[in-house]
Amino acid sequence: MMTAEVEVNAGESIESALKRFKKKIQKAGILSEIKRRERYETTAMKAKRKAQSARKRKR
């Protein structure tokens, strides 16, 4: 499991800490991994989706 942590320094604004956090996540490749997993479709899900679209076309 990938993790990205950023400690907020004393007197540091939330915006700058958030900017560092986003940069760290981008570097670690966490966002791209999440997007890749969002689009993953199992074969069962794919078959179900195709069957539903076929039923819609028949009507």
PDB file of N, CA and C in Angstrom:
ATOM      1  N   MET A   1       0.839  -1.180   0.000  1.00  0.00           N
ATOM      2  CA  MET A   1       0.000   0.000   0.000  1.00  0.00           C
ATOM      3  C   MET A   1       0.881   1.239   0.000  1.00  0.00           C
ATOM      4  N   MET A   2       0.550   2.171  -0.872  1.00  0.00           N
ATOM      5  CA  MET A   2       1.306   3.410  -0.962  1.00  0.00           C
ATOM      6  C   MET A   2       0.731   4.420   0.017  1.00  0.00           C
ATOM      7  N   THR A   3       1.618   5.158   0.668  1.00  0.00           N
ATOM      8  CA  THR A   3       1.158   6.217   1.554  1.00  0.00           C
ATOM      9  C   THR A   3       1.941   7.485   1.282  1.00  0.00           C
ATOM     10  N   ALA A   4       1.317   8.593   1.512  1.00  0.00           N
ATOM     11  CA  ALA A   4       1.971   9.889   1.388  1.00  0.00           C
ATOM     12  C   ALA A   4       1.562  10.711   2.597  1.00  0.00           C
ATOM     13  N   GLU A   5       2.534  11.143   3.345  1.00  0.00           N
ATOM     14  CA  GLU A   5       2.262  11.925   4.543  1.00  0.00           C
ATOM     15  C   GLU A   5       3.013  13.239   4.471  1.00  0.00           C
ATOM     16  N   VAL A   6       2.386  14.279   4.984  1.00  0.00           N
ATOM     17  CA  VAL A   6       3.014  15.587   5.052  1.00  0.00           C
ATOM     18  C   VAL A   6       2.712  16.158   6.420  1.00  0.00           C
ATOM     19  N   GLU A   7       3.768  16.547   7.136  1.00  0.00           N
ATOM     20  CA  GLU A   7       3.574  17.183   8.431  1.00  0.00           C
ATOM     21  C   GLU A   7       3.467  18.685   8.217  1.00  0.00           C
ATOM     22  N   VAL A   8       2.488  19.280   8.851  1.00  0.00           N
ATOM     23  CA  VAL A   8       2.302  20.724   8.758  1.00  0.00           C
ATOM     24  C   VAL A   8       3.221  21.370   9.780  1.00  0.00           C
ATOM     25  N   ASN A   9       4.125  22.192   9.277  1.00  0.00           N
ATOM     26  CA  ASN A   9       5.081  22.876  10.152  1.00  0.00           C
ATOM     27  C   ASN A   9       4.402  24.023  10.894  1.00  0.00           C
ATOM     28  N   ALA A  10       4.984  24.423  12.012  1.00  0.00           N
ATOM     29  CA  ALA A  10       4.430  25.531  12.796  1.00  0.00           C
ATOM     30  C   ALA A  10       4.460  26.807  11.961  1.00  0.00           C
ATOM     31  N   GLY A  11       3.343  27.476  11.906  1.00  0.00           N
ATOM     32  CA  GLY A  11       3.256  28.722  11.164  1.00  0.00           C
ATOM     33  C   GLY A  11       3.046  28.542   9.670  1.00  0.00           C
ATOM     34  N   GLU A  12       2.948  27.307   9.210  1.00  0.00           N
ATOM     35  CA  GLU A  12       2.747  27.037   7.777  1.00  0.00           C
ATOM     36  C   GLU A  12       1.252  27.065   7.462  1.00  0.00           C
ATOM     37  N   SER A  13       0.920  27.643   6.329  1.00  0.00           N
ATOM     38  CA  SER A  13      -0.491  27.702   5.956  1.00  0.00           C
ATOM     39  C   SER A  13      -0.954  26.338   5.443  1.00  0.00           C
ATOM     40  N   ILE A  14      -2.239  26.121   5.551  1.00  0.00           N
ATOM     41  CA  ILE A  14      -2.834  24.865   5.077  1.00  0.00           C
ATOM     42  C   ILE A  14      -2.646  24.743   3.571  1.00  0.00           C
ATOM     43  N   GLU A  15      -2.739  25.865   2.861  1.00  0.00           N
ATOM     44  CA  GLU A  15      -2.610  25.848   1.400  1.00  0.00           C
ATOM     45  C   GLU A  15      -1.248  25.330   0.959  1.00  0.00           C
ATOM     46  N   SER A  16      -0.196  25.786   1.628  1.00  0.00           N
ATOM     47  CA  SER A  16       1.147  25.331   1.233  1.00  0.00           C
ATOM     48  C   SER A  16       1.360  23.867   1.601  1.00  0.00           C
ATOM     49  N   ALA A  17       0.794  23.427   2.731  1.00  0.00           N
ATOM     50  CA  ALA A  17       0.898  22.016   3.118  1.00  0.00           C
ATOM     51  C   ALA A  17       0.135  21.147   2.125  1.00  0.00           C
ATOM     52  N   LEU A  18      -1.028  21.628   1.688  1.00  0.00           N
ATOM     53  CA  LEU A  18      -1.817  20.891   0.711  1.00  0.00           C
ATOM     54  C   LEU A  18      -1.086  20.809  -0.618  1.00  0.00           C
ATOM     55  N   LYS A  19      -0.410  21.872  -0.992  1.00  0.00           N
ATOM     56  CA  LYS A  19       0.366  21.896  -2.231  1.00  0.00           C
ATOM     57  C   LYS A  19       1.504  20.866  -2.173  1.00  0.00           C
ATOM     58  N   ARG A  20       2.184  20.804  -1.022  1.00  0.00           N
ATOM     59  CA  ARG A  20       3.258  19.810  -0.855  1.00  0.00           C
ATOM     60  C   ARG A  20       2.693  18.395  -0.904  1.00  0.00           C
ATOM     61  N   PHE A  21       1.521  18.204  -0.294  1.00  0.00           N
ATOM     62  CA  PHE A  21       0.872  16.892  -0.277  1.00  0.00           C
ATOM     63  C   PHE A  21       0.519  16.446  -1.687  1.00  0.00           C
ATOM     64  N   LYS A  22      -0.076  17.342  -2.473  1.00  0.00           N
ATOM     65  CA  LYS A  22      -0.442  17.017  -3.847  1.00  0.00           C
ATOM     66  C   LYS A  22       0.786  16.664  -4.672  1.00  0.00           C
ATOM     67  N   LYS A  23       1.860  17.408  -4.470  1.00  0.00           N
ATOM     68  CA  LYS A  23       3.098  17.153  -5.205  1.00  0.00           C
ATOM     69  C   LYS A  23       3.665  15.780  -4.839  1.00  0.00           C
ATOM     70  N   LYS A  24       3.584  15.434  -3.558  1.00  0.00           N
ATOM     71  CA  LYS A  24       4.095  14.149  -3.088  1.00  0.00           C
ATOM     72  C   LYS A  24       3.274  12.985  -3.651  1.00  0.00           C
ATOM     73  N   ILE A  25       1.965  13.155  -3.695  1.00  0.00           N
ATOM     74  CA  ILE A  25       1.081  12.130  -4.249  1.00  0.00           C
ATOM     75  C   ILE A  25       1.365  11.944  -5.731  1.00  0.00           C
ATOM     76  N   GLN A  26       1.540  13.047  -6.448  1.00  0.00           N
ATOM     77  CA  GLN A  26       1.830  12.990  -7.881  1.00  0.00           C
ATOM     78  C   GLN A  26       3.134  12.240  -8.133  1.00  0.00           C
ATOM     79  N   LYS A  27       4.148  12.536  -7.325  1.00  0.00           N
ATOM     80  CA  LYS A  27       5.455  11.896  -7.484  1.00  0.00           C
ATOM     81  C   LYS A  27       5.385  10.394  -7.197  1.00  0.00           C
ATOM     82  N   ALA A  28       4.578  10.017  -6.216  1.00  0.00           N
ATOM     83  CA  ALA A  28       4.467   8.612  -5.829  1.00  0.00           C
ATOM     84  C   ALA A  28       3.617   7.814  -6.809  1.00  0.00           C
ATOM     85  N   GLY A  29       2.861   8.500  -7.669  1.00  0.00           N
ATOM     86  CA  GLY A  29       2.039   7.804  -8.652  1.00  0.00           C
ATOM     87  C   GLY A  29       0.733   7.273  -8.092  1.00  0.00           C
ATOM     88  N   ILE A  30       0.306   7.812  -6.975  1.00  0.00           N
ATOM     89  CA  ILE A  30      -0.905   7.326  -6.327  1.00  0.00           C
ATOM     90  C   ILE A  30      -2.144   7.692  -7.140  1.00  0.00           C
ATOM     91  N   LEU A  31      -2.198   8.916  -7.657  1.00  0.00           N
ATOM     92  CA  LEU A  31      -3.365   9.337  -8.434  1.00  0.00           C
ATOM     93  C   LEU A  31      -3.538   8.506  -9.694  1.00  0.00           C
ATOM     94  N   SER A  32      -2.439   8.244 -10.386  1.00  0.00           N
ATOM     95  CA  SER A  32      -2.543   7.445 -11.606  1.00  0.00           C
ATOM     96  C   SER A  32      -2.997   6.020 -11.290  1.00  0.00           C
ATOM     97  N   GLU A  33      -2.569   5.496 -10.157  1.00  0.00           N
ATOM     98  CA  GLU A  33      -2.994   4.154  -9.735  1.00  0.00           C
ATOM     99  C   GLU A  33      -4.487   4.133  -9.432  1.00  0.00           C
ATOM    100  N   ILE A  34      -4.979   5.170  -8.776  1.00  0.00           N
ATOM    101  CA  ILE A  34      -6.406   5.248  -8.450  1.00  0.00           C
ATOM    102  C   ILE A  34      -7.223   5.319  -9.721  1.00  0.00           C
ATOM    103  N   LYS A  35      -6.802   6.155 -10.665  1.00  0.00           N
ATOM    104  CA  LYS A  35      -7.528   6.288 -11.928  1.00  0.00           C
ATOM    105  C   LYS A  35      -7.517   4.976 -12.704  1.00  0.00           C
ATOM    106  N   ARG A  36      -6.397   4.263 -12.672  1.00  0.00           N
ATOM    107  CA  ARG A  36      -6.302   2.984 -13.381  1.00  0.00           C
ATOM    108  C   ARG A  36      -7.262   1.967 -12.771  1.00  0.00           C
ATOM    109  N   ARG A  37      -7.364   1.957 -11.461  1.00  0.00           N
ATOM    110  CA  ARG A  37      -8.253   1.005 -10.787  1.00  0.00           C
ATOM    111  C   ARG A  37      -9.721   1.381 -10.944  1.00  0.00           C
ATOM    112  N   GLU A  38     -10.011   2.676 -11.091  1.00  0.00           N
ATOM    113  CA  GLU A  38     -11.394   3.098 -11.304  1.00  0.00           C
ATOM    114  C   GLU A  38     -11.939   2.533 -12.602  1.00  0.00           C
ATOM    115  N   ARG A  39     -11.097   2.486 -13.623  1.00  0.00           N
ATOM    116  CA  ARG A  39     -11.546   2.063 -14.934  1.00  0.00           C
ATOM    117  C   ARG A  39     -11.551   0.551 -15.104  1.00  0.00           C
ATOM    118  N   TYR A  40     -10.990  -0.193 -14.154  1.00  0.00           N
ATOM    119  CA  TYR A  40     -10.928  -1.642 -14.289  1.00  0.00           C
ATOM    120  C   TYR A  40     -12.331  -2.223 -14.224  1.00  0.00           C
ATOM    121  N   GLU A  41     -12.625  -3.123 -15.150  1.00  0.00           N
ATOM    122  CA  GLU A  41     -13.938  -3.751 -15.201  1.00  0.00           C
ATOM    123  C   GLU A  41     -13.734  -5.266 -15.289  1.00  0.00           C
ATOM    124  N   THR A  42     -14.334  -6.004 -14.372  1.00  0.00           N
ATOM    125  CA  THR A  42     -14.193  -7.452 -14.400  1.00  0.00           C
ATOM    126  C   THR A  42     -14.957  -8.010 -15.590  1.00  0.00           C
ATOM    127  N   THR A  43     -14.661  -9.234 -15.955  1.00  0.00           N
ATOM    128  CA  THR A  43     -15.332  -9.851 -17.100  1.00  0.00           C
ATOM    129  C   THR A  43     -16.822 -10.031 -16.835  1.00  0.00           C
ATOM    130  N   ALA A  44     -17.187 -10.309 -15.586  1.00  0.00           N
ATOM    131  CA  ALA A  44     -18.600 -10.470 -15.242  1.00  0.00           C
ATOM    132  C   ALA A  44     -19.343  -9.145 -15.405  1.00  0.00           C
ATOM    133  N   MET A  45     -18.718  -8.047 -14.961  1.00  0.00           N
ATOM    134  CA  MET A  45     -19.334  -6.734 -15.094  1.00  0.00           C
ATOM    135  C   MET A  45     -19.462  -6.347 -16.571  1.00  0.00           C
ATOM    136  N   LYS A  46     -18.454  -6.684 -17.347  1.00  0.00           N
ATOM    137  CA  LYS A  46     -18.459  -6.365 -18.769  1.00  0.00           C
ATOM    138  C   LYS A  46     -19.595  -7.113 -19.476  1.00  0.00           C
ATOM    139  N   ALA A  47     -19.773  -8.391 -19.147  1.00  0.00           N
ATOM    140  CA  ALA A  47     -20.823  -9.202 -19.763  1.00  0.00           C
ATOM    141  C   ALA A  47     -22.199  -8.665 -19.377  1.00  0.00           C
ATOM    142  N   LYS A  48     -22.356  -8.273 -18.122  1.00  0.00           N
ATOM    143  CA  LYS A  48     -23.631  -7.740 -17.657  1.00  0.00           C
ATOM    144  C   LYS A  48     -23.967  -6.443 -18.391  1.00  0.00           C
ATOM    145  N   ARG A  49     -22.973  -5.556 -18.548  1.00  0.00           N
ATOM    146  CA  ARG A  49     -23.189  -4.296 -19.240  1.00  0.00           C
ATOM    147  C   ARG A  49     -23.557  -4.528 -20.699  1.00  0.00           C
ATOM    148  N   LYS A  50     -22.885  -5.468 -21.350  1.00  0.00           N
ATOM    149  CA  LYS A  50     -23.180  -5.770 -22.750  1.00  0.00           C
ATOM    150  C   LYS A  50     -24.574  -6.371 -22.901  1.00  0.00           C
ATOM    151  N   ALA A  51     -25.004  -7.221 -21.962  1.00  0.00           N
ATOM    152  CA  ALA A  51     -26.333  -7.813 -22.016  1.00  0.00           C
ATOM    153  C   ALA A  51     -27.410  -6.743 -21.840  1.00  0.00           C
ATOM    154  N   GLN A  52     -27.168  -5.803 -20.956  1.00  0.00           N
ATOM    155  CA  GLN A  52     -28.129  -4.722 -20.753  1.00  0.00           C
ATOM    156  C   GLN A  52     -28.254  -3.855 -22.000  1.00  0.00           C
ATOM    157  N   SER A  53     -27.147  -3.543 -22.632  1.00  0.00           N
ATOM    158  CA  SER A  53     -27.215  -2.714 -23.842  1.00  0.00           C
ATOM    159  C   SER A  53     -27.879  -3.481 -24.976  1.00  0.00           C
ATOM    160  N   ALA A  54     -27.699  -4.793 -25.031  1.00  0.00           N
ATOM    161  CA  ALA A  54     -28.355  -5.612 -26.062  1.00  0.00           C
ATOM    162  C   ALA A  54     -29.861  -5.616 -25.843  1.00  0.00           C
ATOM    163  N   ARG A  55     -30.300  -5.697 -24.583  1.00  0.00           N
ATOM    164  CA  ARG A  55     -31.735  -5.667 -24.288  1.00  0.00           C
ATOM    165  C   ARG A  55     -32.332  -4.322 -24.688  1.00  0.00           C
ATOM    166  N   LYS A  56     -31.593  -3.241 -24.483  1.00  0.00           N
ATOM    167  CA  LYS A  56     -32.079  -1.916 -24.860  1.00  0.00           C
ATOM    168  C   LYS A  56     -32.215  -1.803 -26.383  1.00  0.00           C
ATOM    169  N   ARG A  57     -31.289  -2.387 -27.126  1.00  0.00           N
ATOM    170  CA  ARG A  57     -31.321  -2.323 -28.591  1.00  0.00           C
ATOM    171  C   ARG A  57     -32.490  -3.123 -29.155  1.00  0.00           C
ATOM    172  N   LYS A  58     -32.877  -4.222 -28.480  1.00  0.00           N
ATOM    173  CA  LYS A  58     -33.957  -5.082 -28.983  1.00  0.00           C
ATOM    174  C   LYS A  58     -35.305  -4.403 -28.936  1.00  0.00           C
ATOM    175  N   ARG A  59     -35.511  -3.522 -27.998  1.00  0.00           N
ATOM    176  CA  ARG A  59     -36.819  -2.878 -27.803  1.00  0.00           C
ATOM    177  C   ARG A  59     -37.166  -1.986 -28.915  1.00  0.00           C
TER     178      ARG A  59
END
